[in-house]
N, C-alpha and C. Protein backbone atom coordinates (compact mmCIF):
# COMPACT_ATOMS: atom_id res chain seq x y z
N UNK A 1 44.62 57.48 124.96
CA UNK A 1 45.23 58.49 124.12
C UNK A 1 46.34 57.84 123.30
N UNK A 2 46.49 58.29 122.11
CA UNK A 2 47.50 57.82 121.18
C UNK A 2 48.90 57.95 121.77
N UNK A 3 49.74 56.96 121.57
CA UNK A 3 51.11 56.96 122.11
C UNK A 3 51.91 58.15 121.61
N UNK A 4 51.73 58.53 120.35
CA UNK A 4 52.45 59.67 119.79
C UNK A 4 52.08 60.96 120.53
N UNK A 5 50.79 61.12 120.84
CA UNK A 5 50.36 62.30 121.58
C UNK A 5 50.92 62.30 123.00
N UNK A 6 50.97 61.13 123.63
CA UNK A 6 51.56 61.05 124.97
C UNK A 6 53.04 61.42 124.94
N UNK A 7 53.74 60.95 123.92
CA UNK A 7 55.17 61.28 123.80
C UNK A 7 55.35 62.79 123.62
N UNK A 8 54.47 63.39 122.84
CA UNK A 8 54.53 64.84 122.64
C UNK A 8 54.35 65.57 123.98
N UNK A 9 53.41 65.12 124.78
CA UNK A 9 53.16 65.75 126.08
C UNK A 9 54.33 65.51 127.05
N UNK A 10 54.94 64.33 126.98
CA UNK A 10 56.12 64.06 127.82
C UNK A 10 57.24 65.02 127.46
N UNK A 11 57.43 65.26 126.16
CA UNK A 11 58.47 66.20 125.74
C UNK A 11 58.13 67.63 126.16
N UNK A 12 56.85 68.00 126.14
CA UNK A 12 56.46 69.33 126.60
C UNK A 12 56.69 69.47 128.11
N UNK A 13 56.42 68.40 128.84
CA UNK A 13 56.69 68.42 130.28
C UNK A 13 58.19 68.58 130.51
N UNK A 14 59.00 67.88 129.73
CA UNK A 14 60.46 68.00 129.84
C UNK A 14 60.90 69.43 129.50
N UNK A 15 60.26 70.05 128.52
CA UNK A 15 60.56 71.44 128.18
C UNK A 15 60.25 72.35 129.37
N UNK A 16 59.14 72.10 130.03
CA UNK A 16 58.79 72.88 131.22
C UNK A 16 59.84 72.75 132.31
N UNK A 17 60.32 71.53 132.50
CA UNK A 17 61.38 71.31 133.50
C UNK A 17 62.64 72.07 133.10
N UNK A 18 62.99 72.01 131.83
CA UNK A 18 64.17 72.74 131.34
C UNK A 18 64.02 74.25 131.57
N UNK A 19 62.88 74.79 131.19
CA UNK A 19 62.66 76.23 131.36
C UNK A 19 62.70 76.62 132.84
N UNK A 20 62.14 75.76 133.69
CA UNK A 20 62.22 76.02 135.13
C UNK A 20 63.67 76.08 135.58
N UNK A 21 64.49 75.18 135.07
CA UNK A 21 65.90 75.15 135.43
C UNK A 21 66.65 76.42 135.04
N UNK A 22 66.13 77.16 134.07
CA UNK A 22 66.76 78.42 133.66
C UNK A 22 66.45 79.56 134.62
N UNK A 23 65.41 79.37 135.44
CA UNK A 23 65.05 80.41 136.42
C UNK A 23 65.87 80.23 137.68
N UNK A 24 65.88 81.26 138.48
CA UNK A 24 66.68 81.23 139.71
C UNK A 24 65.81 80.83 140.91
N UNK A 25 65.18 79.66 140.81
CA UNK A 25 64.37 79.13 141.91
C UNK A 25 64.93 77.76 142.29
N UNK A 26 64.80 77.42 143.54
CA UNK A 26 65.22 76.09 143.97
C UNK A 26 64.21 75.07 143.44
N UNK A 27 64.70 73.84 143.19
CA UNK A 27 63.88 72.81 142.56
C UNK A 27 62.66 72.41 143.38
N UNK A 28 62.71 72.55 144.68
CA UNK A 28 61.56 72.15 145.48
C UNK A 28 60.35 73.01 145.15
N UNK A 29 60.56 74.23 144.63
CA UNK A 29 59.42 75.07 144.22
C UNK A 29 58.62 74.39 143.11
N UNK A 30 59.31 73.77 142.18
CA UNK A 30 58.62 73.07 141.09
C UNK A 30 57.74 71.96 141.65
N UNK A 31 58.31 71.19 142.56
CA UNK A 31 57.56 70.07 143.16
C UNK A 31 56.36 70.56 143.97
N UNK A 32 56.52 71.67 144.66
CA UNK A 32 55.42 72.22 145.48
C UNK A 32 54.33 72.80 144.59
N UNK A 33 54.71 73.48 143.52
CA UNK A 33 53.74 74.22 142.70
C UNK A 33 53.11 73.42 141.56
N UNK A 34 53.66 72.28 141.21
CA UNK A 34 53.20 71.56 140.03
C UNK A 34 51.71 71.19 140.09
N UNK A 35 51.16 71.01 141.26
CA UNK A 35 49.72 70.69 141.36
C UNK A 35 48.85 71.92 141.62
N UNK A 36 49.46 73.08 141.78
CA UNK A 36 48.71 74.31 142.08
C UNK A 36 47.62 74.64 141.05
N UNK A 37 47.83 74.43 139.75
CA UNK A 37 46.77 74.77 138.80
C UNK A 37 45.46 74.02 139.02
N UNK A 38 45.50 72.93 139.78
CA UNK A 38 44.25 72.22 140.05
C UNK A 38 43.30 73.01 140.95
N UNK A 39 43.75 74.15 141.44
CA UNK A 39 42.85 75.05 142.18
C UNK A 39 41.68 75.45 141.29
N UNK A 40 41.88 75.36 139.97
CA UNK A 40 40.82 75.68 139.03
C UNK A 40 39.60 74.78 139.16
N UNK A 41 39.76 73.63 139.78
CA UNK A 41 38.63 72.72 139.98
C UNK A 41 37.60 73.28 140.95
N UNK A 42 38.00 74.29 141.71
CA UNK A 42 37.07 74.90 142.68
C UNK A 42 35.84 75.48 141.97
N UNK A 43 35.99 75.80 140.71
CA UNK A 43 34.86 76.32 139.93
C UNK A 43 33.70 75.36 139.85
N UNK A 44 33.98 74.06 139.99
CA UNK A 44 32.90 73.07 139.94
C UNK A 44 31.95 73.17 141.12
N UNK A 45 32.33 73.91 142.15
CA UNK A 45 31.40 74.17 143.25
C UNK A 45 30.22 75.02 142.78
N UNK A 46 30.40 75.72 141.65
CA UNK A 46 29.37 76.60 141.12
C UNK A 46 28.71 76.04 139.86
N UNK A 47 28.93 74.77 139.60
CA UNK A 47 28.29 74.12 138.46
C UNK A 47 29.29 73.76 137.38
N UNK A 48 28.81 72.97 136.43
CA UNK A 48 29.67 72.46 135.36
C UNK A 48 30.20 73.56 134.44
N UNK A 49 29.38 74.54 134.11
CA UNK A 49 29.82 75.61 133.21
C UNK A 49 30.93 76.44 133.84
N UNK A 50 30.73 76.87 135.09
CA UNK A 50 31.76 77.66 135.79
C UNK A 50 32.99 76.81 136.04
N UNK A 51 32.78 75.55 136.38
CA UNK A 51 33.90 74.65 136.64
C UNK A 51 34.76 74.46 135.42
N UNK A 52 34.13 74.19 134.28
CA UNK A 52 34.88 73.99 133.05
C UNK A 52 35.63 75.25 132.66
N UNK A 53 34.98 76.41 132.78
CA UNK A 53 35.62 77.67 132.41
C UNK A 53 36.86 77.94 133.27
N UNK A 54 36.71 77.84 134.59
CA UNK A 54 37.83 78.12 135.48
C UNK A 54 38.93 77.07 135.32
N UNK A 55 38.55 75.82 135.24
CA UNK A 55 39.52 74.74 135.04
C UNK A 55 40.32 74.99 133.77
N UNK A 56 39.65 75.33 132.69
CA UNK A 56 40.31 75.51 131.40
C UNK A 56 41.26 76.71 131.40
N UNK A 57 40.93 77.76 132.14
CA UNK A 57 41.85 78.90 132.25
C UNK A 57 43.16 78.45 132.87
N UNK A 58 43.08 77.61 133.89
CA UNK A 58 44.28 77.15 134.60
C UNK A 58 44.99 76.00 133.88
N UNK A 59 44.40 75.49 132.80
CA UNK A 59 44.98 74.33 132.11
C UNK A 59 45.16 74.56 130.62
N UNK A 60 45.06 75.78 130.17
CA UNK A 60 45.20 76.08 128.75
C UNK A 60 46.64 76.48 128.46
N UNK A 61 47.27 75.78 127.55
CA UNK A 61 48.68 76.04 127.27
C UNK A 61 48.91 77.43 126.67
N UNK A 62 47.96 77.97 125.93
CA UNK A 62 48.12 79.31 125.37
C UNK A 62 48.21 80.35 126.49
N UNK A 63 47.42 80.18 127.54
CA UNK A 63 47.49 81.07 128.70
C UNK A 63 48.86 80.94 129.35
N UNK A 64 49.33 79.71 129.48
CA UNK A 64 50.64 79.46 130.09
C UNK A 64 51.77 80.10 129.28
N UNK A 65 51.73 79.92 127.98
CA UNK A 65 52.77 80.48 127.11
C UNK A 65 52.72 82.00 127.14
N UNK A 66 51.52 82.56 127.11
CA UNK A 66 51.39 84.03 127.17
C UNK A 66 51.97 84.57 128.48
N UNK A 67 51.68 83.91 129.59
CA UNK A 67 52.24 84.34 130.87
C UNK A 67 53.76 84.28 130.86
N UNK A 68 54.29 83.18 130.36
CA UNK A 68 55.74 83.02 130.31
C UNK A 68 56.38 84.10 129.43
N UNK A 69 55.82 84.33 128.25
CA UNK A 69 56.39 85.33 127.35
C UNK A 69 56.28 86.73 127.92
N UNK A 70 55.16 87.03 128.56
CA UNK A 70 55.00 88.34 129.21
C UNK A 70 56.05 88.51 130.30
N UNK A 71 56.25 87.47 131.10
CA UNK A 71 57.27 87.51 132.14
C UNK A 71 58.67 87.67 131.57
N UNK A 72 58.93 87.03 130.44
CA UNK A 72 60.24 87.15 129.80
C UNK A 72 60.44 88.57 129.27
N UNK A 73 59.43 89.11 128.60
CA UNK A 73 59.51 90.44 128.02
C UNK A 73 59.68 91.52 129.09
N UNK A 74 58.94 91.37 130.19
CA UNK A 74 58.98 92.38 131.26
C UNK A 74 60.01 92.06 132.34
N UNK A 75 60.77 90.99 132.14
CA UNK A 75 61.77 90.54 133.13
C UNK A 75 61.14 90.33 134.51
N UNK A 76 60.05 89.55 134.51
CA UNK A 76 59.34 89.22 135.74
C UNK A 76 59.44 87.71 135.98
N UNK A 77 60.44 87.27 136.74
CA UNK A 77 60.63 85.83 136.95
C UNK A 77 59.41 85.14 137.56
N UNK A 78 58.66 85.82 138.41
CA UNK A 78 57.48 85.21 139.02
C UNK A 78 56.42 84.91 137.95
N UNK A 79 56.28 85.81 137.00
CA UNK A 79 55.33 85.60 135.90
C UNK A 79 55.81 84.45 135.01
N UNK A 80 57.12 84.39 134.76
CA UNK A 80 57.68 83.27 134.00
C UNK A 80 57.42 81.96 134.74
N UNK A 81 57.63 81.97 136.04
CA UNK A 81 57.40 80.78 136.86
C UNK A 81 55.96 80.32 136.74
N UNK A 82 55.02 81.25 136.84
CA UNK A 82 53.60 80.90 136.73
C UNK A 82 53.31 80.26 135.37
N UNK A 83 53.86 80.82 134.30
CA UNK A 83 53.66 80.26 132.97
C UNK A 83 54.24 78.87 132.84
N UNK A 84 55.43 78.67 133.39
CA UNK A 84 56.08 77.35 133.32
C UNK A 84 55.29 76.32 134.11
N UNK A 85 54.81 76.70 135.28
CA UNK A 85 54.04 75.75 136.10
C UNK A 85 52.73 75.39 135.39
N UNK A 86 52.03 76.39 134.86
CA UNK A 86 50.78 76.10 134.14
C UNK A 86 51.04 75.20 132.93
N UNK A 87 52.09 75.51 132.18
CA UNK A 87 52.43 74.72 130.99
C UNK A 87 52.79 73.28 131.37
N UNK A 88 53.66 73.15 132.36
CA UNK A 88 54.11 71.82 132.78
C UNK A 88 52.96 71.00 133.35
N UNK A 89 52.14 71.64 134.16
CA UNK A 89 51.00 70.93 134.75
C UNK A 89 50.03 70.46 133.65
N UNK A 90 49.78 71.33 132.68
CA UNK A 90 48.87 70.96 131.59
C UNK A 90 49.41 69.77 130.81
N UNK A 91 50.72 69.78 130.54
CA UNK A 91 51.32 68.65 129.83
C UNK A 91 51.21 67.38 130.67
N UNK A 92 51.48 67.50 131.97
CA UNK A 92 51.40 66.34 132.86
C UNK A 92 49.97 65.78 132.88
N UNK A 93 48.99 66.66 132.99
CA UNK A 93 47.60 66.21 132.98
C UNK A 93 47.27 65.46 131.69
N UNK A 94 47.71 65.99 130.58
CA UNK A 94 47.39 65.36 129.30
C UNK A 94 48.09 64.01 129.14
N UNK A 95 49.26 63.85 129.76
CA UNK A 95 49.93 62.54 129.74
C UNK A 95 48.99 61.49 130.33
N UNK A 96 48.25 61.88 131.38
CA UNK A 96 47.35 60.95 132.07
C UNK A 96 45.92 60.99 131.52
N UNK A 97 45.70 61.72 130.42
CA UNK A 97 44.40 61.71 129.77
C UNK A 97 43.42 62.77 130.24
N UNK A 98 43.89 63.73 131.03
CA UNK A 98 43.02 64.80 131.50
C UNK A 98 43.17 66.00 130.58
N UNK A 99 42.15 66.27 129.81
CA UNK A 99 42.20 67.37 128.86
C UNK A 99 41.37 68.56 129.32
N UNK A 100 41.23 69.52 128.44
CA UNK A 100 40.37 70.67 128.71
C UNK A 100 38.93 70.19 128.82
N UNK A 101 38.17 70.82 129.69
CA UNK A 101 36.83 70.31 130.03
C UNK A 101 35.73 70.94 129.18
N UNK A 102 34.73 70.12 128.92
CA UNK A 102 33.48 70.61 128.34
C UNK A 102 32.54 70.89 129.50
N UNK A 103 31.56 71.76 129.28
CA UNK A 103 30.65 72.12 130.38
C UNK A 103 29.59 71.06 130.65
N UNK A 104 29.73 69.93 130.04
CA UNK A 104 28.82 68.80 130.24
C UNK A 104 29.11 68.09 131.57
N UNK A 105 30.36 68.24 132.07
CA UNK A 105 30.76 67.58 133.31
C UNK A 105 32.27 67.39 133.33
N UNK A 106 32.82 67.15 134.51
CA UNK A 106 34.27 67.06 134.68
C UNK A 106 34.91 65.98 133.82
N UNK A 107 34.23 64.86 133.64
CA UNK A 107 34.86 63.75 132.93
C UNK A 107 34.83 63.89 131.41
N UNK A 108 34.22 64.94 130.89
CA UNK A 108 34.12 65.15 129.45
C UNK A 108 35.18 66.15 129.00
N UNK A 109 36.19 65.65 128.28
CA UNK A 109 37.33 66.48 127.90
C UNK A 109 37.56 66.45 126.40
N UNK A 110 38.43 67.34 125.94
CA UNK A 110 38.77 67.37 124.52
C UNK A 110 39.58 66.14 124.10
N UNK A 111 40.04 65.36 125.06
CA UNK A 111 40.76 64.12 124.76
C UNK A 111 39.85 62.89 124.83
N UNK A 112 38.60 63.14 125.15
CA UNK A 112 37.65 62.04 125.32
C UNK A 112 37.17 61.97 126.75
N UNK A 113 36.33 61.03 127.01
CA UNK A 113 35.75 60.88 128.35
C UNK A 113 36.75 60.21 129.28
N UNK A 114 36.95 60.84 130.44
CA UNK A 114 37.86 60.28 131.44
C UNK A 114 37.28 58.97 131.95
N UNK A 115 38.10 57.95 131.96
CA UNK A 115 37.66 56.65 132.44
C UNK A 115 37.11 55.74 131.34
N UNK A 116 36.90 56.30 130.15
CA UNK A 116 36.41 55.50 129.03
C UNK A 116 37.58 54.75 128.42
N UNK A 117 37.57 53.44 128.49
CA UNK A 117 38.66 52.63 127.99
C UNK A 117 38.49 52.25 126.53
N UNK A 118 37.48 52.79 125.88
CA UNK A 118 37.22 52.45 124.47
C UNK A 118 37.88 53.43 123.51
N UNK A 119 39.00 54.05 123.86
CA UNK A 119 39.54 54.97 122.89
C UNK A 119 40.85 55.42 123.26
């Protein structure tokens, strides 16, 4: 992945950390929950199409932002927390080259094929 795109994702991850710091949760919650969105991989037990769909729901930044904004509007810190965790996790994944999935298989993402060193 392009260095500029990685830097953008690092800054988005930093934004997630900042937003988390504005909530009234202890920091260990961030560390415990940051990998929680990977529960979306369970969809792959039902095939590539279901796996990609469920994975993408848990890794789509628009879903994360919508959750955070809904939580902010309704004054629901738990909803804000969920949005921040989804957003931060998605940024972290993209830093390492894991993008949204195509239904062709887990390694086929919008950032390219996972493990392909030619790009």
